[in-house]
Amino acid sequence: MSLTTSIAVYFIIWWVMLFAVLPWGVHSQEESGAVAPGTDPGAPIMPRLWRKLVLTTVATSAVYALCALAYAYRLIDLDTLVEFLHLPR
């Protein structure tokens, strides 16, 4: 896999993982009972974005490493993938 393809695949996995991690541990103002005037009650109190960015990067690195190993050692070939997904040949 070329460097450009590797970076693109990593970025796509990172972006998907970010949207999976964003809702973790978020509490709204309404849940805490302290709604600031003029704000949406569903707005998060402390989103902790830096922690989530780091967690996303760590999780993405693990998922990417597994994908890269599967690709490098040919653990999953195209025929197996087509059969697994029940796609027409």
PDB file of N, CA and C in Angstrom:
ATOM      1  N   MET A   1       0.850  -1.161   0.000  1.00  0.00           N
ATOM      2  CA  MET A   1       0.000   0.000   0.000  1.00  0.00           C
ATOM      3  C   MET A   1       0.904   1.236   0.000  1.00  0.00           C
ATOM      4  N   SER A   2       0.579   2.189  -0.841  1.00  0.00           N
ATOM      5  CA  SER A   2       1.409   3.385  -0.930  1.00  0.00           C
ATOM      6  C   SER A   2       1.181   4.287   0.284  1.00  0.00           C
ATOM      7  N   LEU A   3       2.079   5.233   0.473  1.00  0.00           N
ATOM      8  CA  LEU A   3       1.983   6.148   1.600  1.00  0.00           C
ATOM      9  C   LEU A   3       0.702   6.985   1.512  1.00  0.00           C
ATOM     10  N   THR A   4       0.379   7.445   0.318  1.00  0.00           N
ATOM     11  CA  THR A   4      -0.827   8.257   0.140  1.00  0.00           C
ATOM     12  C   THR A   4      -2.081   7.461   0.472  1.00  0.00           C
ATOM     13  N   THR A   5      -2.137   6.228   0.014  1.00  0.00           N
ATOM     14  CA  THR A   5      -3.290   5.372   0.320  1.00  0.00           C
ATOM     15  C   THR A   5      -3.364   5.089   1.815  1.00  0.00           C
ATOM     16  N   SER A   6      -2.235   4.842   2.442  1.00  0.00           N
ATOM     17  CA  SER A   6      -2.210   4.579   3.881  1.00  0.00           C
ATOM     18  C   SER A   6      -2.730   5.776   4.678  1.00  0.00           C
ATOM     19  N   ILE A   7      -2.310   6.958   4.295  1.00  0.00           N
ATOM     20  CA  ILE A   7      -2.768   8.168   4.984  1.00  0.00           C
ATOM     21  C   ILE A   7      -4.267   8.363   4.776  1.00  0.00           C
ATOM     22  N   ALA A   8      -4.737   8.126   3.562  1.00  0.00           N
ATOM     23  CA  ALA A   8      -6.164   8.274   3.273  1.00  0.00           C
ATOM     24  C   ALA A   8      -7.001   7.276   4.067  1.00  0.00           C
ATOM     25  N   VAL A   9      -6.562   6.022   4.130  1.00  0.00           N
ATOM     26  CA  VAL A   9      -7.294   5.005   4.883  1.00  0.00           C
ATOM     27  C   VAL A   9      -7.288   5.342   6.370  1.00  0.00           C
ATOM     28  N   TYR A  10      -6.148   5.773   6.890  1.00  0.00           N
ATOM     29  CA  TYR A  10      -6.060   6.157   8.307  1.00  0.00           C
ATOM     30  C   TYR A  10      -7.011   7.305   8.606  1.00  0.00           C
ATOM     31  N   PHE A  11      -7.045   8.309   7.736  1.00  0.00           N
ATOM     32  CA  PHE A  11      -7.910   9.468   7.941  1.00  0.00           C
ATOM     33  C   PHE A  11      -9.387   9.065   7.925  1.00  0.00           C
ATOM     34  N   ILE A  12      -9.766   8.194   7.014  1.00  0.00           N
ATOM     35  CA  ILE A  12     -11.168   7.750   6.943  1.00  0.00           C
ATOM     36  C   ILE A  12     -11.547   6.994   8.213  1.00  0.00           C
ATOM     37  N   ILE A  13     -10.676   6.087   8.659  1.00  0.00           N
ATOM     38  CA  ILE A  13     -10.952   5.345   9.893  1.00  0.00           C
ATOM     39  C   ILE A  13     -11.003   6.306  11.073  1.00  0.00           C
ATOM     40  N   TRP A  14     -10.095   7.288  11.116  1.00  0.00           N
ATOM     41  CA  TRP A  14     -10.062   8.260  12.213  1.00  0.00           C
ATOM     42  C   TRP A  14     -11.363   9.050  12.261  1.00  0.00           C
ATOM     43  N   TRP A  15     -11.839   9.478  11.104  1.00  0.00           N
ATOM     44  CA  TRP A  15     -13.058  10.292  11.045  1.00  0.00           C
ATOM     45  C   TRP A  15     -14.278   9.495  11.528  1.00  0.00           C
ATOM     46  N   VAL A  16     -14.387   8.238  11.105  1.00  0.00           N
ATOM     47  CA  VAL A  16     -15.496   7.393  11.542  1.00  0.00           C
ATOM     48  C   VAL A  16     -15.405   7.139  13.048  1.00  0.00           C
ATOM     49  N   MET A  17     -14.210   6.869  13.537  1.00  0.00           N
ATOM     50  CA  MET A  17     -14.022   6.636  14.971  1.00  0.00           C
ATOM     51  C   MET A  17     -14.343   7.889  15.792  1.00  0.00           C
ATOM     52  N   LEU A  18     -14.024   9.067  15.263  1.00  0.00           N
ATOM     53  CA  LEU A  18     -14.327  10.307  15.975  1.00  0.00           C
ATOM     54  C   LEU A  18     -15.823  10.422  16.224  1.00  0.00           C
ATOM     55  N   PHE A  19     -16.635  10.145  15.203  1.00  0.00           N
ATOM     56  CA  PHE A  19     -18.074  10.251  15.389  1.00  0.00           C
ATOM     57  C   PHE A  19     -18.605   9.148  16.306  1.00  0.00           C
ATOM     58  N   ALA A  20     -17.898   8.060  16.436  1.00  0.00           N
ATOM     59  CA  ALA A  20     -18.298   7.018  17.384  1.00  0.00           C
ATOM     60  C   ALA A  20     -17.929   7.415  18.815  1.00  0.00           C
ATOM     61  N   VAL A  21     -16.838   8.142  18.993  1.00  0.00           N
ATOM     62  CA  VAL A  21     -16.333   8.491  20.322  1.00  0.00           C
ATOM     63  C   VAL A  21     -16.978   9.773  20.869  1.00  0.00           C
ATOM     64  N   LEU A  22     -17.397  10.680  20.015  1.00  0.00           N
ATOM     65  CA  LEU A  22     -17.912  11.980  20.469  1.00  0.00           C
ATOM     66  C   LEU A  22     -19.015  11.906  21.535  1.00  0.00           C
ATOM     67  N   PRO A  23     -19.992  11.024  21.436  1.00  0.00           N
ATOM     68  CA  PRO A  23     -21.054  11.034  22.454  1.00  0.00           C
ATOM     69  C   PRO A  23     -20.662  10.430  23.807  1.00  0.00           C
ATOM     70  N   TRP A  24     -19.514   9.800  23.915  1.00  0.00           N
ATOM     71  CA  TRP A  24     -19.129   9.142  25.159  1.00  0.00           C
ATOM     72  C   TRP A  24     -18.940  10.162  26.286  1.00  0.00           C
ATOM     73  N   GLY A  25     -19.635   9.944  27.385  1.00  0.00           N
ATOM     74  CA  GLY A  25     -19.437  10.760  28.576  1.00  0.00           C
ATOM     75  C   GLY A  25     -19.971  12.173  28.501  1.00  0.00           C
ATOM     76  N   VAL A  26     -20.820  12.480  27.544  1.00  0.00           N
ATOM     77  CA  VAL A  26     -21.357  13.829  27.409  1.00  0.00           C
ATOM     78  C   VAL A  26     -22.623  13.952  28.243  1.00  0.00           C
ATOM     79  N   HIS A  27     -22.692  15.001  29.046  1.00  0.00           N
ATOM     80  CA  HIS A  27     -23.877  15.298  29.846  1.00  0.00           C
ATOM     81  C   HIS A  27     -24.370  16.682  29.450  1.00  0.00           C
ATOM     82  N   SER A  28     -25.664  16.779  29.216  1.00  0.00           N
ATOM     83  CA  SER A  28     -26.229  18.053  28.784  1.00  0.00           C
ATOM     84  C   SER A  28     -26.479  18.969  29.974  1.00  0.00           C
ATOM     85  N   GLN A  29     -26.707  20.243  29.656  1.00  0.00           N
ATOM     86  CA  GLN A  29     -27.031  21.209  30.709  1.00  0.00           C
ATOM     87  C   GLN A  29     -28.345  20.843  31.385  1.00  0.00           C
ATOM     88  N   GLU A  30     -29.271  20.323  30.600  1.00  0.00           N
ATOM     89  CA  GLU A  30     -30.569  19.948  31.150  1.00  0.00           C
ATOM     90  C   GLU A  30     -30.433  18.802  32.157  1.00  0.00           C
ATOM     91  N   GLU A  31     -29.553  17.842  31.868  1.00  0.00           N
ATOM     92  CA  GLU A  31     -29.341  16.723  32.786  1.00  0.00           C
ATOM     93  C   GLU A  31     -28.726  17.183  34.106  1.00  0.00           C
ATOM     94  N   SER A  32     -27.868  18.196  34.019  1.00  0.00           N
ATOM     95  CA  SER A  32     -27.222  18.679  35.238  1.00  0.00           C
ATOM     96  C   SER A  32     -28.101  19.639  36.021  1.00  0.00           C
ATOM     97  N   GLY A  33     -29.115  20.182  35.359  1.00  0.00           N
ATOM     98  CA  GLY A  33     -30.016  21.107  36.033  1.00  0.00           C
ATOM     99  C   GLY A  33     -29.533  22.540  36.045  1.00  0.00           C
ATOM    100  N   ALA A  34     -28.472  22.844  35.288  1.00  0.00           N
ATOM    101  CA  ALA A  34     -27.921  24.207  35.251  1.00  0.00           C
ATOM    102  C   ALA A  34     -27.905  24.705  33.817  1.00  0.00           C
ATOM    103  N   VAL A  35     -29.076  25.114  33.314  1.00  0.00           N
ATOM    104  CA  VAL A  35     -29.170  25.613  31.943  1.00  0.00           C
ATOM    105  C   VAL A  35     -28.850  27.101  31.945  1.00  0.00           C
ATOM    106  N   ALA A  36     -27.809  27.485  31.203  1.00  0.00           N
ATOM    107  CA  ALA A  36     -27.435  28.891  31.096  1.00  0.00           C
ATOM    108  C   ALA A  36     -28.449  29.616  30.221  1.00  0.00           C
ATOM    109  N   PRO A  37     -28.845  30.817  30.598  1.00  0.00           N
ATOM    110  CA  PRO A  37     -29.821  31.555  29.801  1.00  0.00           C
ATOM    111  C   PRO A  37     -29.302  31.811  28.380  1.00  0.00           C
ATOM    112  N   GLY A  38     -30.188  31.595  27.416  1.00  0.00           N
ATOM    113  CA  GLY A  38     -29.841  31.850  26.018  1.00  0.00           C
ATOM    114  C   GLY A  38     -29.116  30.710  25.325  1.00  0.00           C
ATOM    115  N   THR A  39     -28.959  29.574  25.993  1.00  0.00           N
ATOM    116  CA  THR A  39     -28.299  28.432  25.372  1.00  0.00           C
ATOM    117  C   THR A  39     -29.282  27.283  25.231  1.00  0.00           C
ATOM    118  N   ASP A  40     -28.930  26.346  24.391  1.00  0.00           N
ATOM    119  CA  ASP A  40     -29.764  25.164  24.186  1.00  0.00           C
ATOM    120  C   ASP A  40     -29.620  24.238  25.393  1.00  0.00           C
ATOM    121  N   PRO A  41     -30.734  23.719  25.904  1.00  0.00           N
ATOM    122  CA  PRO A  41     -30.641  22.811  27.065  1.00  0.00           C
ATOM    123  C   PRO A  41     -29.862  21.533  26.769  1.00  0.00           C
ATOM    124  N   GLY A  42     -29.765  21.164  25.505  1.00  0.00           N
ATOM    125  CA  GLY A  42     -29.038  19.952  25.139  1.00  0.00           C
ATOM    126  C   GLY A  42     -27.553  20.169  24.924  1.00  0.00           C
ATOM    127  N   ALA A  43     -27.083  21.402  25.104  1.00  0.00           N
ATOM    128  CA  ALA A  43     -25.656  21.700  24.925  1.00  0.00           C
ATOM    129  C   ALA A  43     -24.842  20.985  26.007  1.00  0.00           C
ATOM    130  N   PRO A  44     -23.687  20.428  25.630  1.00  0.00           N
ATOM    131  CA  PRO A  44     -22.887  19.702  26.628  1.00  0.00           C
ATOM    132  C   PRO A  44     -22.268  20.642  27.658  1.00  0.00           C
ATOM    133  N   ILE A  45     -22.080  20.099  28.855  1.00  0.00           N
ATOM    134  CA  ILE A  45     -21.457  20.884  29.927  1.00  0.00           C
ATOM    135  C   ILE A  45     -19.951  20.941  29.696  1.00  0.00           C
ATOM    136  N   MET A  46     -19.317  19.787  29.678  1.00  0.00           N
ATOM    137  CA  MET A  46     -17.877  19.700  29.438  1.00  0.00           C
ATOM    138  C   MET A  46     -17.637  18.615  28.393  1.00  0.00           C
ATOM    139  N   PRO A  47     -17.469  18.985  27.133  1.00  0.00           N
ATOM    140  CA  PRO A  47     -17.325  17.958  26.098  1.00  0.00           C
ATOM    141  C   PRO A  47     -15.991  17.199  26.144  1.00  0.00           C
ATOM    142  N   ARG A  48     -14.952  17.786  26.761  1.00  0.00           N
ATOM    143  CA  ARG A  48     -13.622  17.140  26.858  1.00  0.00           C
ATOM    144  C   ARG A  48     -13.117  16.695  25.490  1.00  0.00           C
ATOM    145  N   LEU A  49     -13.046  17.633  24.565  1.00  0.00           N
ATOM    146  CA  LEU A  49     -12.675  17.314  23.190  1.00  0.00           C
ATOM    147  C   LEU A  49     -11.242  16.814  23.054  1.00  0.00           C
ATOM    148  N   TRP A  50     -10.303  17.366  23.811  1.00  0.00           N
ATOM    149  CA  TRP A  50      -8.914  16.912  23.684  1.00  0.00           C
ATOM    150  C   TRP A  50      -8.782  15.441  24.078  1.00  0.00           C
ATOM    151  N   ARG A  51      -9.474  15.053  25.134  1.00  0.00           N
ATOM    152  CA  ARG A  51      -9.444  13.657  25.564  1.00  0.00           C
ATOM    153  C   ARG A  51     -10.029  12.753  24.478  1.00  0.00           C
ATOM    154  N   LYS A  52     -11.107  13.213  23.851  1.00  0.00           N
ATOM    155  CA  LYS A  52     -11.746  12.418  22.810  1.00  0.00           C
ATOM    156  C   LYS A  52     -10.893  12.334  21.549  1.00  0.00           C
ATOM    157  N   LEU A  53     -10.168  13.407  21.232  1.00  0.00           N
ATOM    158  CA  LEU A  53      -9.271  13.370  20.074  1.00  0.00           C
ATOM    159  C   LEU A  53      -8.129  12.377  20.300  1.00  0.00           C
ATOM    160  N   VAL A  54      -7.600  12.366  21.515  1.00  0.00           N
ATOM    161  CA  VAL A  54      -6.524  11.418  21.843  1.00  0.00           C
ATOM    162  C   VAL A  54      -7.061   9.988  21.821  1.00  0.00           C
ATOM    163  N   LEU A  55      -8.221   9.765  22.408  1.00  0.00           N
ATOM    164  CA  LEU A  55      -8.829   8.439  22.416  1.00  0.00           C
ATOM    165  C   LEU A  55      -9.129   7.969  20.995  1.00  0.00           C
ATOM    166  N   THR A  56      -9.613   8.877  20.158  1.00  0.00           N
ATOM    167  CA  THR A  56      -9.885   8.539  18.758  1.00  0.00           C
ATOM    168  C   THR A  56      -8.606   8.139  18.042  1.00  0.00           C
ATOM    169  N   THR A  57      -7.528   8.867  18.278  1.00  0.00           N
ATOM    170  CA  THR A  57      -6.259   8.564  17.625  1.00  0.00           C
ATOM    171  C   THR A  57      -5.715   7.210  18.076  1.00  0.00           C
ATOM    172  N   VAL A  58      -5.815   6.916  19.360  1.00  0.00           N
ATOM    173  CA  VAL A  58      -5.333   5.629  19.883  1.00  0.00           C
ATOM    174  C   VAL A  58      -6.163   4.475  19.309  1.00  0.00           C
ATOM    175  N   ALA A  59      -7.480   4.619  19.331  1.00  0.00           N
ATOM    176  CA  ALA A  59      -8.354   3.565  18.812  1.00  0.00           C
ATOM    177  C   ALA A  59      -8.154   3.379  17.309  1.00  0.00           C
ATOM    178  N   THR A  60      -8.000   4.479  16.588  1.00  0.00           N
ATOM    179  CA  THR A  60      -7.779   4.394  15.144  1.00  0.00           C
ATOM    180  C   THR A  60      -6.456   3.709  14.834  1.00  0.00           C
ATOM    181  N   SER A  61      -5.439   4.006  15.608  1.00  0.00           N
ATOM    182  CA  SER A  61      -4.139   3.368  15.384  1.00  0.00           C
ATOM    183  C   SER A  61      -4.231   1.860  15.537  1.00  0.00           C
ATOM    184  N   ALA A  62      -4.985   1.398  16.527  1.00  0.00           N
ATOM    185  CA  ALA A  62      -5.153  -0.043  16.725  1.00  0.00           C
ATOM    186  C   ALA A  62      -5.934  -0.670  15.569  1.00  0.00           C
ATOM    187  N   VAL A  63      -7.025  -0.035  15.167  1.00  0.00           N
ATOM    188  CA  VAL A  63      -7.833  -0.567  14.060  1.00  0.00           C
ATOM    189  C   VAL A  63      -7.028  -0.548  12.761  1.00  0.00           C
ATOM    190  N   TYR A  64      -6.302   0.540  12.518  1.00  0.00           N
ATOM    191  CA  TYR A  64      -5.492   0.634  11.300  1.00  0.00           C
ATOM    192  C   TYR A  64      -4.386  -0.415  11.297  1.00  0.00           C
ATOM    193  N   ALA A  65      -3.774  -0.649  12.441  1.00  0.00           N
ATOM    194  CA  ALA A  65      -2.722  -1.666  12.516  1.00  0.00           C
ATOM    195  C   ALA A  65      -3.275  -3.043  12.155  1.00  0.00           C
ATOM    196  N   LEU A  66      -4.460  -3.372  12.655  1.00  0.00           N
ATOM    197  CA  LEU A  66      -5.074  -4.659  12.302  1.00  0.00           C
ATOM    198  C   LEU A  66      -5.382  -4.736  10.807  1.00  0.00           C
ATOM    199  N   CYS A  67      -5.906  -3.650  10.251  1.00  0.00           N
ATOM    200  CA  CYS A  67      -6.204  -3.628   8.814  1.00  0.00           C
ATOM    201  C   CYS A  67      -4.928  -3.736   7.982  1.00  0.00           C
ATOM    202  N   ALA A  68      -3.881  -3.027   8.394  1.00  0.00           N
ATOM    203  CA  ALA A  68      -2.617  -3.067   7.667  1.00  0.00           C
ATOM    204  C   ALA A  68      -1.981  -4.455   7.722  1.00  0.00           C
ATOM    205  N   LEU A  69      -2.053  -5.099   8.883  1.00  0.00           N
ATOM    206  CA  LEU A  69      -1.523  -6.461   9.005  1.00  0.00           C
ATOM    207  C   LEU A  69      -2.319  -7.443   8.150  1.00  0.00           C
ATOM    208  N   ALA A  70      -3.633  -7.302   8.152  1.00  0.00           N
ATOM    209  CA  ALA A  70      -4.469  -8.177   7.323  1.00  0.00           C
ATOM    210  C   ALA A  70      -4.150  -7.973   5.847  1.00  0.00           C
ATOM    211  N   TYR A  71      -3.889  -6.748   5.452  1.00  0.00           N
ATOM    212  CA  TYR A  71      -3.536  -6.457   4.059  1.00  0.00           C
ATOM    213  C   TYR A  71      -2.135  -6.971   3.723  1.00  0.00           C
ATOM    214  N   ALA A  72      -1.181  -6.727   4.610  1.00  0.00           N
ATOM    215  CA  ALA A  72       0.212  -7.095   4.335  1.00  0.00           C
ATOM    216  C   ALA A  72       0.401  -8.607   4.256  1.00  0.00           C
ATOM    217  N   TYR A  73      -0.283  -9.350   5.121  1.00  0.00           N
ATOM    218  CA  TYR A  73      -0.136 -10.796   5.142  1.00  0.00           C
ATOM    219  C   TYR A  73      -1.227 -11.522   4.355  1.00  0.00           C
ATOM    220  N   ARG A  74      -2.017 -10.757   3.624  1.00  0.00           N
ATOM    221  CA  ARG A  74      -3.066 -11.308   2.751  1.00  0.00           C
ATOM    222  C   ARG A  74      -4.009 -12.242   3.520  1.00  0.00           C
ATOM    223  N   LEU A  75      -4.393 -11.824   4.720  1.00  0.00           N
ATOM    224  CA  LEU A  75      -5.304 -12.628   5.521  1.00  0.00           C
ATOM    225  C   LEU A  75      -6.722 -12.597   4.964  1.00  0.00           C
ATOM    226  N   ILE A  76      -7.058 -11.509   4.303  1.00  0.00           N
ATOM    227  CA  ILE A  76      -8.371 -11.372   3.674  1.00  0.00           C
ATOM    228  C   ILE A  76      -8.144 -11.032   2.211  1.00  0.00           C
ATOM    229  N   ASP A  77      -8.520 -11.949   1.337  1.00  0.00           N
ATOM    230  CA  ASP A  77      -8.389 -11.655  -0.086  1.00  0.00           C
ATOM    231  C   ASP A  77      -9.747 -11.236  -0.645  1.00  0.00           C
ATOM    232  N   LEU A  78      -9.754 -10.793  -1.880  1.00  0.00           N
ATOM    233  CA  LEU A  78     -10.964 -10.243  -2.481  1.00  0.00           C
ATOM    234  C   LEU A  78     -12.066 -11.288  -2.608  1.00  0.00           C
ATOM    235  N   ASP A  79     -11.714 -12.522  -2.966  1.00  0.00           N
ATOM    236  CA  ASP A  79     -12.723 -13.578  -3.101  1.00  0.00           C
ATOM    237  C   ASP A  79     -13.414 -13.871  -1.764  1.00  0.00           C
ATOM    238  N   THR A  80     -12.656 -13.902  -0.699  1.00  0.00           N
ATOM    239  CA  THR A  80     -13.230 -14.139   0.629  1.00  0.00           C
ATOM    240  C   THR A  80     -14.162 -13.000   1.027  1.00  0.00           C
ATOM    241  N   LEU A  81     -13.748 -11.774   0.726  1.00  0.00           N
ATOM    242  CA  LEU A  81     -14.562 -10.611   1.058  1.00  0.00           C
ATOM    243  C   LEU A  81     -15.870 -10.601   0.271  1.00  0.00           C
ATOM    244  N   VAL A  82     -15.808 -10.938  -1.016  1.00  0.00           N
ATOM    245  CA  VAL A  82     -17.011 -10.996  -1.848  1.00  0.00           C
ATOM    246  C   VAL A  82     -17.956 -12.068  -1.328  1.00  0.00           C
ATOM    247  N   GLU A  83     -17.411 -13.200  -0.955  1.00  0.00           N
ATOM    248  CA  GLU A  83     -18.229 -14.297  -0.421  1.00  0.00           C
ATOM    249  C   GLU A  83     -18.847 -13.917   0.925  1.00  0.00           C
ATOM    250  N   PHE A  84     -18.067 -13.255   1.786  1.00  0.00           N
ATOM    251  CA  PHE A  84     -18.561 -12.858   3.095  1.00  0.00           C
ATOM    252  C   PHE A  84     -19.698 -11.842   2.993  1.00  0.00           C
ATOM    253  N   LEU A  85     -19.599 -10.912   2.053  1.00  0.00           N
ATOM    254  CA  LEU A  85     -20.605  -9.866   1.890  1.00  0.00           C
ATOM    255  C   LEU A  85     -21.754 -10.265   0.969  1.00  0.00           C
ATOM    256  N   HIS A  86     -21.700 -11.484   0.459  1.00  0.00           N
ATOM    257  CA  HIS A  86     -22.746 -12.018  -0.436  1.00  0.00           C
ATOM    258  C   HIS A  86     -22.952 -11.121  -1.649  1.00  0.00           C
ATOM    259  N   LEU A  87     -21.865 -10.696  -2.256  1.00  0.00           N
ATOM    260  CA  LEU A  87     -21.933  -9.856  -3.445  1.00  0.00           C
ATOM    261  C   LEU A  87     -21.900 -10.710  -4.701  1.00  0.00           C
ATOM    262  N   PRO A  88     -22.509 -10.247  -5.784  1.00  0.00           N
ATOM    263  CA  PRO A  88     -22.433 -11.026  -7.028  1.00  0.00           C
ATOM    264  C   PRO A  88     -21.031 -10.952  -7.608  1.00  0.00           C
ATOM    265  N   ARG A  89     -20.621 -12.012  -8.263  1.00  0.00           N
ATOM    266  CA  ARG A  89     -19.273 -12.039  -8.881  1.00  0.00           C
ATOM    267  C   ARG A  89     -19.318 -11.564 -10.291  1.00  0.00           C
TER     268      ARG A  89
END
